[in-house]
Amino acid sequence: MKTSKAIDKIKAAGHDISDEYSRAECIGFLNTAIHEVSGLLIAANSPMMVQEVLIHDGENVPIHYVASAGQYPLRITGQTVNFVDPLMEEIRFRYFATMAPLEDETGDLPFVHSALNDYVLKVATLLALNRNEYDISQDKALTDEFRSILTGAVTMNG
């Protein structure tokens, strides 16, 4: 789904005829939702959130790093990686990372599966509506139900 289309849907859901939600704010709502879905998938050890890089002693952890995907002979202190074995030059490092935030509205939502992007849109819409104190209790209940289904699916199928 195109980011610009997602923004249009957020504005339509809030009946935003007075342009109350700026497009930049809508990108913020989408980014918050993307981080939520990323965290959910990482917590479920989903392989779609795993990245791989060659890392060297003394480098910083990769951008959007959350946790190692496996055990490695290294220590991470703050943002710095130190090898346990000083004779090693590099390690092929696999790690869980969140999706990169949206910078503008020209690209696509980040997930390959359209159901995940639909969920991102729903969460972003709830964030926008909640800001204006709409009654979102029914929407939230449906979103929570979908979250539990999604968690079950990614936990079972990886």
C-alpha atoms as a PDB file:
ATOM      1  CA  MET A   1       0.000   0.000   0.000  1.00  0.00           C
ATOM      2  CA  LYS A   2       1.296   3.455  -0.858  1.00  0.00           C
ATOM      3  CA  THR A   3       1.972   5.735   2.095  1.00  0.00           C
ATOM      4  CA  SER A   4       0.032   8.565   0.446  1.00  0.00           C
ATOM      5  CA  LYS A   5      -3.017   6.287   0.139  1.00  0.00           C
ATOM      6  CA  ALA A   6      -2.697   5.273   3.811  1.00  0.00           C
ATOM      7  CA  ILE A   7      -2.613   8.942   4.806  1.00  0.00           C
ATOM      8  CA  ASP A   8      -5.743   9.607   2.729  1.00  0.00           C
ATOM      9  CA  LYS A   9      -7.492   6.718   4.521  1.00  0.00           C
ATOM     10  CA  ILE A  10      -6.523   8.068   7.966  1.00  0.00           C
ATOM     11  CA  LYS A  11      -7.888  11.498   7.039  1.00  0.00           C
ATOM     12  CA  ALA A  12     -11.084   9.957   5.627  1.00  0.00           C
ATOM     13  CA  ALA A  13     -11.648   7.856   8.771  1.00  0.00           C
ATOM     14  CA  GLY A  14     -11.434  11.010  10.882  1.00  0.00           C
ATOM     15  CA  HIS A  15     -13.724  12.932   8.512  1.00  0.00           C
ATOM     16  CA  ASP A  16     -10.868  15.407   8.245  1.00  0.00           C
ATOM     17  CA  ILE A  17     -12.473  17.947   5.913  1.00  0.00           C
ATOM     18  CA  SER A  18     -10.806  20.853   7.742  1.00  0.00           C
ATOM     19  CA  ASP A  19      -7.322  19.335   7.283  1.00  0.00           C
ATOM     20  CA  GLU A  20      -6.956  18.944  11.050  1.00  0.00           C
ATOM     21  CA  TYR A  21      -4.387  16.150  10.696  1.00  0.00           C
ATOM     22  CA  SER A  22      -1.371  17.310   8.717  1.00  0.00           C
ATOM     23  CA  ARG A  23       0.168  14.780   6.379  1.00  0.00           C
ATOM     24  CA  ALA A  24       3.312  14.890   8.549  1.00  0.00           C
ATOM     25  CA  GLU A  25       1.227  14.012  11.630  1.00  0.00           C
ATOM     26  CA  CYS A  26      -0.307  11.101   9.753  1.00  0.00           C
ATOM     27  CA  ILE A  27       3.194   9.841   8.915  1.00  0.00           C
ATOM     28  CA  GLY A  28       3.907  10.050  12.659  1.00  0.00           C
ATOM     29  CA  PHE A  29       0.830   7.942  13.426  1.00  0.00           C
ATOM     30  CA  LEU A  30       1.918   5.418  10.786  1.00  0.00           C
ATOM     31  CA  ASN A  31       5.458   5.270  12.193  1.00  0.00           C
ATOM     32  CA  THR A  32       4.153   4.620  15.708  1.00  0.00           C
ATOM     33  CA  ALA A  33       2.017   1.788  14.331  1.00  0.00           C
ATOM     34  CA  ILE A  34       4.953   0.384  12.315  1.00  0.00           C
ATOM     35  CA  HIS A  35       7.049   0.281  15.488  1.00  0.00           C
ATOM     36  CA  GLU A  36       4.232  -1.519  17.321  1.00  0.00           C
ATOM     37  CA  VAL A  37       3.946  -4.171  14.608  1.00  0.00           C
ATOM     38  CA  SER A  38       7.744  -4.497  14.421  1.00  0.00           C
ATOM     39  CA  GLY A  39       7.866  -5.104  18.174  1.00  0.00           C
ATOM     40  CA  LEU A  40       5.080  -7.650  17.967  1.00  0.00           C
ATOM     41  CA  LEU A  41       6.865  -9.564  15.203  1.00  0.00           C
ATOM     42  CA  ILE A  42      10.230  -9.402  16.976  1.00  0.00           C
ATOM     43  CA  ALA A  43       8.663 -10.682  20.206  1.00  0.00           C
ATOM     44  CA  ALA A  44       7.326 -13.623  18.172  1.00  0.00           C
ATOM     45  CA  ASN A  45      10.822 -14.249  16.684  1.00  0.00           C
ATOM     46  CA  SER A  46       9.523 -13.707  13.175  1.00  0.00           C
ATOM     47  CA  PRO A  47      12.237 -14.284  10.568  1.00  0.00           C
ATOM     48  CA  MET A  48      10.885 -11.396   8.498  1.00  0.00           C
ATOM     49  CA  MET A  49      12.416  -9.056  11.088  1.00  0.00           C
ATOM     50  CA  VAL A  50      15.913 -10.591  10.892  1.00  0.00           C
ATOM     51  CA  GLN A  51      18.720  -8.689   9.177  1.00  0.00           C
ATOM     52  CA  GLU A  52      22.280  -9.798   8.500  1.00  0.00           C
ATOM     53  CA  VAL A  53      25.508  -7.805   8.381  1.00  0.00           C
ATOM     54  CA  LEU A  54      29.256  -8.337   8.580  1.00  0.00           C
ATOM     55  CA  ILE A  55      30.307  -6.606  11.778  1.00  0.00           C
ATOM     56  CA  HIS A  56      33.770  -5.680  13.009  1.00  0.00           C
ATOM     57  CA  ASP A  57      35.173  -5.272  16.503  1.00  0.00           C
ATOM     58  CA  GLY A  58      34.490  -1.802  17.915  1.00  0.00           C
ATOM     59  CA  GLU A  59      31.693  -0.896  15.483  1.00  0.00           C
ATOM     60  CA  ASN A  60      28.304   0.334  16.550  1.00  0.00           C
ATOM     61  CA  VAL A  61      25.336  -1.988  16.421  1.00  0.00           C
ATOM     62  CA  PRO A  62      23.436  -1.731  13.123  1.00  0.00           C
ATOM     63  CA  ILE A  63      20.688   0.832  12.683  1.00  0.00           C
ATOM     64  CA  HIS A  64      17.269  -0.259  14.033  1.00  0.00           C
ATOM     65  CA  TYR A  65      18.973  -3.076  16.028  1.00  0.00           C
ATOM     66  CA  VAL A  66      16.802  -4.588  18.762  1.00  0.00           C
ATOM     67  CA  ALA A  67      18.352  -7.961  19.690  1.00  0.00           C
ATOM     68  CA  SER A  68      20.702 -10.638  18.420  1.00  0.00           C
ATOM     69  CA  ALA A  69      19.153 -13.496  16.476  1.00  0.00           C
ATOM     70  CA  GLY A  70      21.272 -16.234  17.998  1.00  0.00           C
ATOM     71  CA  GLN A  71      24.374 -16.395  20.138  1.00  0.00           C
ATOM     72  CA  TYR A  72      27.625 -14.788  19.028  1.00  0.00           C
ATOM     73  CA  PRO A  73      31.087 -14.445  20.581  1.00  0.00           C
ATOM     74  CA  LEU A  74      30.638 -10.747  21.212  1.00  0.00           C
ATOM     75  CA  ARG A  75      29.570  -8.284  23.874  1.00  0.00           C
ATOM     76  CA  ILE A  76      27.395  -5.277  23.278  1.00  0.00           C
ATOM     77  CA  THR A  77      27.822  -2.377  25.673  1.00  0.00           C
ATOM     78  CA  GLY A  78      25.611   0.588  24.926  1.00  0.00           C
ATOM     79  CA  GLN A  79      25.802   0.777  21.131  1.00  0.00           C
ATOM     80  CA  THR A  80      29.326  -0.673  20.758  1.00  0.00           C
ATOM     81  CA  VAL A  81      30.153  -4.238  19.712  1.00  0.00           C
ATOM     82  CA  ASN A  82      33.266  -5.879  21.148  1.00  0.00           C
ATOM     83  CA  PHE A  83      34.464  -9.341  20.111  1.00  0.00           C
ATOM     84  CA  VAL A  84      35.268 -11.847  22.828  1.00  0.00           C
ATOM     85  CA  ASP A  85      38.073 -13.299  20.660  1.00  0.00           C
ATOM     86  CA  PRO A  86      40.495 -10.486  19.707  1.00  0.00           C
ATOM     87  CA  LEU A  87      41.845 -12.571  16.793  1.00  0.00           C
ATOM     88  CA  MET A  88      38.515 -12.445  14.949  1.00  0.00           C
ATOM     89  CA  GLU A  89      38.289  -9.782  12.256  1.00  0.00           C
ATOM     90  CA  GLU A  90      34.584  -9.928  11.427  1.00  0.00           C
ATOM     91  CA  ILE A  91      31.436 -11.850  12.264  1.00  0.00           C
ATOM     92  CA  ARG A  92      28.395 -12.465  10.101  1.00  0.00           C
ATOM     93  CA  PHE A  93      25.851 -11.100  12.558  1.00  0.00           C
ATOM     94  CA  ARG A  94      22.126 -11.795  12.403  1.00  0.00           C
ATOM     95  CA  TYR A  95      19.872  -9.568  14.433  1.00  0.00           C
ATOM     96  CA  PHE A  96      16.287  -8.463  14.880  1.00  0.00           C
ATOM     97  CA  ALA A  97      15.591  -4.946  13.663  1.00  0.00           C
ATOM     98  CA  THR A  98      12.536  -2.746  13.540  1.00  0.00           C
ATOM     99  CA  MET A  99      11.356  -1.517  10.179  1.00  0.00           C
ATOM    100  CA  ALA A 100      12.759   1.832   9.136  1.00  0.00           C
ATOM    101  CA  PRO A 101      10.383   4.728   9.802  1.00  0.00           C
ATOM    102  CA  LEU A 102       8.641   6.421   6.906  1.00  0.00           C
ATOM    103  CA  GLU A 103      10.388   9.621   5.880  1.00  0.00           C
ATOM    104  CA  ASP A 104       7.716  10.987   3.548  1.00  0.00           C
ATOM    105  CA  GLU A 105       4.625   9.873   1.685  1.00  0.00           C
ATOM    106  CA  THR A 106       6.270   8.811  -1.582  1.00  0.00           C
ATOM    107  CA  GLY A 107       7.013   5.160  -0.744  1.00  0.00           C
ATOM    108  CA  ASP A 108       5.119   2.097   0.354  1.00  0.00           C
ATOM    109  CA  LEU A 109       4.234   0.825   3.807  1.00  0.00           C
ATOM    110  CA  PRO A 110       7.078  -1.473   4.849  1.00  0.00           C
ATOM    111  CA  PHE A 111       5.589  -4.914   5.333  1.00  0.00           C
ATOM    112  CA  VAL A 112       5.433  -7.536   2.603  1.00  0.00           C
ATOM    113  CA  HIS A 113       2.136  -8.948   3.847  1.00  0.00           C
ATOM    114  CA  SER A 114      -0.830  -6.705   3.136  1.00  0.00           C
ATOM    115  CA  ALA A 115      -2.544  -7.866   6.359  1.00  0.00           C
ATOM    116  CA  LEU A 116       0.309  -6.348   8.370  1.00  0.00           C
ATOM    117  CA  ASN A 117       0.053  -3.079   6.457  1.00  0.00           C
ATOM    118  CA  ASP A 118      -3.717  -3.081   6.997  1.00  0.00           C
ATOM    119  CA  TYR A 119      -3.112  -3.526  10.712  1.00  0.00           C
ATOM    120  CA  VAL A 120      -0.588  -0.650  10.667  1.00  0.00           C
ATOM    121  CA  LEU A 121      -3.233   1.530   9.007  1.00  0.00           C
ATOM    122  CA  LYS A 122      -5.855   0.541  11.581  1.00  0.00           C
ATOM    123  CA  VAL A 123      -3.571   1.323  14.531  1.00  0.00           C
ATOM    124  CA  ALA A 124      -2.533   4.648  12.960  1.00  0.00           C
ATOM    125  CA  THR A 125      -6.190   5.534  12.423  1.00  0.00           C
ATOM    126  CA  LEU A 126      -7.000   4.734  16.061  1.00  0.00           C
ATOM    127  CA  LEU A 127      -4.117   6.954  17.175  1.00  0.00           C
ATOM    128  CA  ALA A 128      -5.478   9.815  15.066  1.00  0.00           C
ATOM    129  CA  LEU A 129      -9.055   9.353  16.276  1.00  0.00           C
ATOM    130  CA  ASN A 130      -7.950   9.000  19.885  1.00  0.00           C
ATOM    131  CA  ARG A 131      -6.149  12.341  19.671  1.00  0.00           C
ATOM    132  CA  ASN A 132      -9.509  13.964  19.011  1.00  0.00           C
ATOM    133  CA  GLU A 133     -11.210  11.997  21.765  1.00  0.00           C
ATOM    134  CA  TYR A 134     -13.506   9.953  19.543  1.00  0.00           C
ATOM    135  CA  ASP A 135     -15.087   6.881  21.107  1.00  0.00           C
ATOM    136  CA  ILE A 136     -12.798   4.197  19.733  1.00  0.00           C
ATOM    137  CA  SER A 137     -13.698   1.404  22.171  1.00  0.00           C
ATOM    138  CA  GLN A 138     -15.292  -0.845  19.546  1.00  0.00           C
ATOM    139  CA  ASP A 139     -12.463  -0.222  17.076  1.00  0.00           C
ATOM    140  CA  LYS A 140      -9.917  -0.929  19.801  1.00  0.00           C
ATOM    141  CA  ALA A 141     -11.627  -4.198  20.712  1.00  0.00           C
ATOM    142  CA  LEU A 142     -11.501  -5.314  17.071  1.00  0.00           C
ATOM    143  CA  THR A 143      -7.859  -4.257  16.786  1.00  0.00           C
ATOM    144  CA  ASP A 144      -6.961  -6.156  19.963  1.00  0.00           C
ATOM    145  CA  GLU A 145      -8.679  -9.245  18.565  1.00  0.00           C
ATOM    146  CA  PHE A 146      -6.748  -8.915  15.321  1.00  0.00           C
ATOM    147  CA  ARG A 147      -3.502  -8.443  17.311  1.00  0.00           C
ATOM    148  CA  SER A 148      -4.088 -11.731  19.142  1.00  0.00           C
ATOM    149  CA  ILE A 149      -4.799 -13.514  15.843  1.00  0.00           C
ATOM    150  CA  LEU A 150      -1.696 -11.981  14.299  1.00  0.00           C
ATOM    151  CA  THR A 151       0.425 -12.956  17.313  1.00  0.00           C
ATOM    152  CA  GLY A 152      -0.842 -16.527  17.097  1.00  0.00           C
ATOM    153  CA  ALA A 153      -0.121 -16.681  13.369  1.00  0.00           C
ATOM    154  CA  VAL A 154       3.431 -15.377  13.541  1.00  0.00           C
ATOM    155  CA  THR A 155       4.248 -17.427  16.632  1.00  0.00           C
ATOM    156  CA  MET A 156       2.968 -20.610  15.044  1.00  0.00           C
ATOM    157  CA  ASN A 157       4.342 -20.055  11.543  1.00  0.00           C
ATOM    158  CA  GLY A 158       7.379 -17.890  12.309  1.00  0.00           C
END
